[in-house]
Amino acid sequence: MQVFGPGDDERAPPAAGFLAVRVSAADALGAVDQGRDADRAQAATDALSRAVYEHRRVR
């Protein structure tokens, strides 16, 4: 088992990034699931893509 100390967790993504992706994913899934507003679903999916991109870029 490997134990990480302070400063050794460079590969660990920031918690805020995880939260942003999870919130965007929930919004996108909700918009797609409702299926009534194609523009909202597209905007939510675009926001999810941006959140994932930003989260990956930070790492």
PDB file of N, CA and C in Angstrom:
ATOM      1  N   MET A   1       0.843  -1.175   0.000  1.00  0.00           N
ATOM      2  CA  MET A   1       0.000   0.000   0.000  1.00  0.00           C
ATOM      3  C   MET A   1       0.886   1.235   0.000  1.00  0.00           C
ATOM      4  N   GLN A   2       0.555   2.166  -0.864  1.00  0.00           N
ATOM      5  CA  GLN A   2       1.331   3.394  -0.945  1.00  0.00           C
ATOM      6  C   GLN A   2       0.580   4.505  -0.237  1.00  0.00           C
ATOM      7  N   VAL A   3       1.273   5.218   0.601  1.00  0.00           N
ATOM      8  CA  VAL A   3       0.675   6.321   1.338  1.00  0.00           C
ATOM      9  C   VAL A   3       1.247   7.618   0.784  1.00  0.00           C
ATOM     10  N   PHE A   4       0.381   8.528   0.470  1.00  0.00           N
ATOM     11  CA  PHE A   4       0.799   9.814  -0.074  1.00  0.00           C
ATOM     12  C   PHE A   4       0.862  10.836   1.049  1.00  0.00           C
ATOM     13  N   GLY A   5       1.933  11.584   1.066  1.00  0.00           N
ATOM     14  CA  GLY A   5       2.081  12.652   2.035  1.00  0.00           C
ATOM     15  C   GLY A   5       1.759  13.985   1.398  1.00  0.00           C
ATOM     16  N   PRO A   6       1.859  15.043   2.153  1.00  0.00           N
ATOM     17  CA  PRO A   6       1.613  16.378   1.592  1.00  0.00           C
ATOM     18  C   PRO A   6       2.546  16.641   0.416  1.00  0.00           C
ATOM     19  N   GLY A   7       1.984  17.125  -0.659  1.00  0.00           N
ATOM     20  CA  GLY A   7       2.771  17.424  -1.839  1.00  0.00           C
ATOM     21  C   GLY A   7       2.910  16.260  -2.804  1.00  0.00           C
ATOM     22  N   ASP A   8       2.569  15.064  -2.361  1.00  0.00           N
ATOM     23  CA  ASP A   8       2.680  13.889  -3.219  1.00  0.00           C
ATOM     24  C   ASP A   8       1.412  13.603  -4.012  1.00  0.00           C
ATOM     25  N   ASP A   9       0.392  14.383  -3.798  1.00  0.00           N
ATOM     26  CA  ASP A   9      -0.908  14.106  -4.418  1.00  0.00           C
ATOM     27  C   ASP A   9      -1.127  14.956  -5.667  1.00  0.00           C
ATOM     28  N   GLU A  10      -0.096  15.186  -6.458  1.00  0.00           N
ATOM     29  CA  GLU A  10      -0.229  16.025  -7.640  1.00  0.00           C
ATOM     30  C   GLU A  10      -1.221  15.457  -8.643  1.00  0.00           C
ATOM     31  N   ARG A  11      -1.360  14.147  -8.660  1.00  0.00           N
ATOM     32  CA  ARG A  11      -2.280  13.532  -9.613  1.00  0.00           C
ATOM     33  C   ARG A  11      -3.718  13.545  -9.113  1.00  0.00           C
ATOM     34  N   ALA A  12      -3.940  13.861  -7.881  1.00  0.00           N
ATOM     35  CA  ALA A  12      -5.294  13.903  -7.335  1.00  0.00           C
ATOM     36  C   ALA A  12      -6.006  15.153  -7.839  1.00  0.00           C
ATOM     37  N   PRO A  13      -7.144  14.992  -8.501  1.00  0.00           N
ATOM     38  CA  PRO A  13      -7.860  16.164  -9.009  1.00  0.00           C
ATOM     39  C   PRO A  13      -8.464  16.984  -7.870  1.00  0.00           C
ATOM     40  N   PRO A  14      -8.559  18.284  -8.067  1.00  0.00           N
ATOM     41  CA  PRO A  14      -9.158  19.117  -7.030  1.00  0.00           C
ATOM     42  C   PRO A  14     -10.628  18.770  -6.817  1.00  0.00           C
ATOM     43  N   ALA A  15     -11.041  18.839  -5.581  1.00  0.00           N
ATOM     44  CA  ALA A  15     -12.427  18.499  -5.237  1.00  0.00           C
ATOM     45  C   ALA A  15     -13.411  19.404  -5.965  1.00  0.00           C
ATOM     46  N   ALA A  16     -13.063  20.663  -6.144  1.00  0.00           N
ATOM     47  CA  ALA A  16     -13.958  21.592  -6.831  1.00  0.00           C
ATOM     48  C   ALA A  16     -14.188  21.164  -8.275  1.00  0.00           C
ATOM     49  N   GLY A  17     -13.155  20.602  -8.910  1.00  0.00           N
ATOM     50  CA  GLY A  17     -13.298  20.111 -10.281  1.00  0.00           C
ATOM     51  C   GLY A  17     -14.277  18.964 -10.361  1.00  0.00           C
ATOM     52  N   PHE A  18     -14.173  18.042  -9.410  1.00  0.00           N
ATOM     53  CA  PHE A  18     -15.119  16.930  -9.373  1.00  0.00           C
ATOM     54  C   PHE A  18     -16.543  17.441  -9.208  1.00  0.00           C
ATOM     55  N   LEU A  19     -16.716  18.391  -8.320  1.00  0.00           N
ATOM     56  CA  LEU A  19     -18.047  18.935  -8.074  1.00  0.00           C
ATOM     57  C   LEU A  19     -18.602  19.614  -9.320  1.00  0.00           C
ATOM     58  N   ALA A  20     -17.779  20.390 -10.000  1.00  0.00           N
ATOM     59  CA  ALA A  20     -18.235  21.077 -11.209  1.00  0.00           C
ATOM     60  C   ALA A  20     -18.671  20.081 -12.275  1.00  0.00           C
ATOM     61  N   VAL A  21     -17.908  19.007 -12.437  1.00  0.00           N
ATOM     62  CA  VAL A  21     -18.264  17.989 -13.431  1.00  0.00           C
ATOM     63  C   VAL A  21     -19.542  17.274 -13.017  1.00  0.00           C
ATOM     64  N   ARG A  22     -19.674  16.940 -11.744  1.00  0.00           N
ATOM     65  CA  ARG A  22     -20.874  16.235 -11.280  1.00  0.00           C
ATOM     66  C   ARG A  22     -22.128  17.086 -11.436  1.00  0.00           C
ATOM     67  N   VAL A  23     -22.023  18.366 -11.098  1.00  0.00           N
ATOM     68  CA  VAL A  23     -23.178  19.264 -11.235  1.00  0.00           C
ATOM     69  C   VAL A  23     -23.552  19.426 -12.702  1.00  0.00           C
ATOM     70  N   SER A  24     -22.542  19.611 -13.564  1.00  0.00           N
ATOM     71  CA  SER A  24     -22.806  19.756 -14.997  1.00  0.00           C
ATOM     72  C   SER A  24     -23.416  18.479 -15.568  1.00  0.00           C
ATOM     73  N   ALA A  25     -22.919  17.339 -15.117  1.00  0.00           N
ATOM     74  CA  ALA A  25     -23.456  16.060 -15.599  1.00  0.00           C
ATOM     75  C   ALA A  25     -24.913  15.892 -15.173  1.00  0.00           C
ATOM     76  N   ALA A  26     -25.209  16.233 -13.936  1.00  0.00           N
ATOM     77  CA  ALA A  26     -26.590  16.117 -13.459  1.00  0.00           C
ATOM     78  C   ALA A  26     -27.520  17.027 -14.245  1.00  0.00           C
ATOM     79  N   ASP A  27     -27.074  18.244 -14.513  1.00  0.00           N
ATOM     80  CA  ASP A  27     -27.894  19.185 -15.274  1.00  0.00           C
ATOM     81  C   ASP A  27     -28.107  18.688 -16.705  1.00  0.00           C
ATOM     82  N   ALA A  28     -27.029  18.194 -17.323  1.00  0.00           N
ATOM     83  CA  ALA A  28     -27.137  17.696 -18.694  1.00  0.00           C
ATOM     84  C   ALA A  28     -28.067  16.487 -18.768  1.00  0.00           C
ATOM     85  N   LEU A  29     -27.922  15.566 -17.835  1.00  0.00           N
ATOM     86  CA  LEU A  29     -28.800  14.391 -17.840  1.00  0.00           C
ATOM     87  C   LEU A  29     -30.248  14.786 -17.602  1.00  0.00           C
ATOM     88  N   GLY A  30     -30.473  15.741 -16.708  1.00  0.00           N
ATOM     89  CA  GLY A  30     -31.835  16.206 -16.459  1.00  0.00           C
ATOM     90  C   GLY A  30     -32.441  16.853 -17.693  1.00  0.00           C
ATOM     91  N   ALA A  31     -31.655  17.666 -18.376  1.00  0.00           N
ATOM     92  CA  ALA A  31     -32.157  18.344 -19.578  1.00  0.00           C
ATOM     93  C   ALA A  31     -32.454  17.352 -20.691  1.00  0.00           C
ATOM     94  N   VAL A  32     -31.573  16.390 -20.873  1.00  0.00           N
ATOM     95  CA  VAL A  32     -31.783  15.382 -21.915  1.00  0.00           C
ATOM     96  C   VAL A  32     -32.972  14.499 -21.551  1.00  0.00           C
ATOM     97  N   ASP A  33     -33.082  14.138 -20.283  1.00  0.00           N
ATOM     98  CA  ASP A  33     -34.168  13.267 -19.835  1.00  0.00           C
ATOM     99  C   ASP A  33     -35.529  13.930 -20.031  1.00  0.00           C
ATOM    100  N   GLN A  34     -35.617  15.237 -19.774  1.00  0.00           N
ATOM    101  CA  GLN A  34     -36.887  15.937 -19.952  1.00  0.00           C
ATOM    102  C   GLN A  34     -37.250  16.021 -21.422  1.00  0.00           C
ATOM    103  N   GLY A  35     -36.256  16.216 -22.269  1.00  0.00           N
ATOM    104  CA  GLY A  35     -36.442  16.158 -23.708  1.00  0.00           C
ATOM    105  C   GLY A  35     -37.359  17.188 -24.334  1.00  0.00           C
ATOM    106  N   ARG A  36     -37.785  18.185 -23.583  1.00  0.00           N
ATOM    107  CA  ARG A  36     -38.720  19.162 -24.142  1.00  0.00           C
ATOM    108  C   ARG A  36     -38.025  20.343 -24.799  1.00  0.00           C
ATOM    109  N   ASP A  37     -36.841  20.681 -24.312  1.00  0.00           N
ATOM    110  CA  ASP A  37     -36.163  21.878 -24.803  1.00  0.00           C
ATOM    111  C   ASP A  37     -34.790  21.487 -25.346  1.00  0.00           C
ATOM    112  N   ALA A  38     -34.712  21.358 -26.656  1.00  0.00           N
ATOM    113  CA  ALA A  38     -33.466  20.929 -27.293  1.00  0.00           C
ATOM    114  C   ALA A  38     -32.345  21.929 -27.059  1.00  0.00           C
ATOM    115  N   ASP A  39     -32.667  23.217 -27.023  1.00  0.00           N
ATOM    116  CA  ASP A  39     -31.639  24.232 -26.790  1.00  0.00           C
ATOM    117  C   ASP A  39     -31.047  24.111 -25.385  1.00  0.00           C
ATOM    118  N   ARG A  40     -31.909  23.861 -24.396  1.00  0.00           N
ATOM    119  CA  ARG A  40     -31.420  23.696 -23.020  1.00  0.00           C
ATOM    120  C   ARG A  40     -30.565  22.449 -22.915  1.00  0.00           C
ATOM    121  N   ALA A  41     -30.988  21.373 -23.538  1.00  0.00           N
ATOM    122  CA  ALA A  41     -30.206  20.137 -23.509  1.00  0.00           C
ATOM    123  C   ALA A  41     -28.842  20.342 -24.160  1.00  0.00           C
ATOM    124  N   GLN A  42     -28.817  21.059 -25.276  1.00  0.00           N
ATOM    125  CA  GLN A  42     -27.541  21.323 -25.954  1.00  0.00           C
ATOM    126  C   GLN A  42     -26.644  22.198 -25.093  1.00  0.00           C
ATOM    127  N   ALA A  43     -27.216  23.231 -24.487  1.00  0.00           N
ATOM    128  CA  ALA A  43     -26.431  24.120 -23.627  1.00  0.00           C
ATOM    129  C   ALA A  43     -25.874  23.362 -22.421  1.00  0.00           C
ATOM    130  N   ALA A  44     -26.678  22.495 -21.832  1.00  0.00           N
ATOM    131  CA  ALA A  44     -26.227  21.720 -20.677  1.00  0.00           C
ATOM    132  C   ALA A  44     -25.132  20.739 -21.073  1.00  0.00           C
ATOM    133  N   THR A  45     -25.265  20.126 -22.233  1.00  0.00           N
ATOM    134  CA  THR A  45     -24.248  19.199 -22.719  1.00  0.00           C
ATOM    135  C   THR A  45     -22.949  19.944 -23.025  1.00  0.00           C
ATOM    136  N   ASP A  46     -23.057  21.137 -23.594  1.00  0.00           N
ATOM    137  CA  ASP A  46     -21.877  21.966 -23.854  1.00  0.00           C
ATOM    138  C   ASP A  46     -21.186  22.353 -22.541  1.00  0.00           C
ATOM    139  N   ALA A  47     -21.979  22.699 -21.530  1.00  0.00           N
ATOM    140  CA  ALA A  47     -21.414  23.057 -20.229  1.00  0.00           C
ATOM    141  C   ALA A  47     -20.699  21.857 -19.606  1.00  0.00           C
ATOM    142  N   LEU A  48     -21.272  20.673 -19.777  1.00  0.00           N
ATOM    143  CA  LEU A  48     -20.623  19.461 -19.272  1.00  0.00           C
ATOM    144  C   LEU A  48     -19.290  19.238 -19.985  1.00  0.00           C
ATOM    145  N   SER A  49     -19.272  19.410 -21.283  1.00  0.00           N
ATOM    146  CA  SER A  49     -18.028  19.249 -22.041  1.00  0.00           C
ATOM    147  C   SER A  49     -16.957  20.226 -21.560  1.00  0.00           C
ATOM    148  N   ARG A  50     -17.354  21.476 -21.324  1.00  0.00           N
ATOM    149  CA  ARG A  50     -16.399  22.475 -20.837  1.00  0.00           C
ATOM    150  C   ARG A  50     -15.883  22.121 -19.450  1.00  0.00           C
ATOM    151  N   ALA A  51     -16.779  21.654 -18.575  1.00  0.00           N
ATOM    152  CA  ALA A  51     -16.369  21.289 -17.213  1.00  0.00           C
ATOM    153  C   ALA A  51     -15.373  20.132 -17.232  1.00  0.00           C
ATOM    154  N   VAL A  52     -15.635  19.140 -18.058  1.00  0.00           N
ATOM    155  CA  VAL A  52     -14.720  18.003 -18.162  1.00  0.00           C
ATOM    156  C   VAL A  52     -13.380  18.466 -18.720  1.00  0.00           C
ATOM    157  N   TYR A  53     -13.415  19.307 -19.750  1.00  0.00           N
ATOM    158  CA  TYR A  53     -12.179  19.820 -20.343  1.00  0.00           C
ATOM    159  C   TYR A  53     -11.363  20.592 -19.313  1.00  0.00           C
ATOM    160  N   GLU A  54     -12.023  21.478 -18.589  1.00  0.00           N
ATOM    161  CA  GLU A  54     -11.320  22.274 -17.577  1.00  0.00           C
ATOM    162  C   GLU A  54     -10.764  21.382 -16.478  1.00  0.00           C
ATOM    163  N   HIS A  55     -11.523  20.387 -16.051  1.00  0.00           N
ATOM    164  CA  HIS A  55     -11.082  19.478 -15.007  1.00  0.00           C
ATOM    165  C   HIS A  55      -9.853  18.697 -15.457  1.00  0.00           C
ATOM    166  N   ARG A  56      -9.850  18.221 -16.691  1.00  0.00           N
ATOM    167  CA  ARG A  56      -8.713  17.463 -17.204  1.00  0.00           C
ATOM    168  C   ARG A  56      -7.495  18.363 -17.405  1.00  0.00           C
ATOM    169  N   ARG A  57      -7.722  19.612 -17.799  1.00  0.00           N
ATOM    170  CA  ARG A  57      -6.626  20.540 -18.065  1.00  0.00           C
ATOM    171  C   ARG A  57      -5.875  20.888 -16.782  1.00  0.00           C
ATOM    172  N   VAL A  58      -6.595  20.972 -15.664  1.00  0.00           N
ATOM    173  CA  VAL A  58      -5.989  21.323 -14.383  1.00  0.00           C
ATOM    174  C   VAL A  58      -5.042  20.232 -13.918  1.00  0.00           C
ATOM    175  N   ARG A  59      -5.375  19.000 -14.190  1.00  0.00           N
ATOM    176  CA  ARG A  59      -4.541  17.879 -13.742  1.00  0.00           C
ATOM    177  C   ARG A  59      -3.287  17.899 -14.502  1.00  0.00           C
TER     178      ARG A  59
END
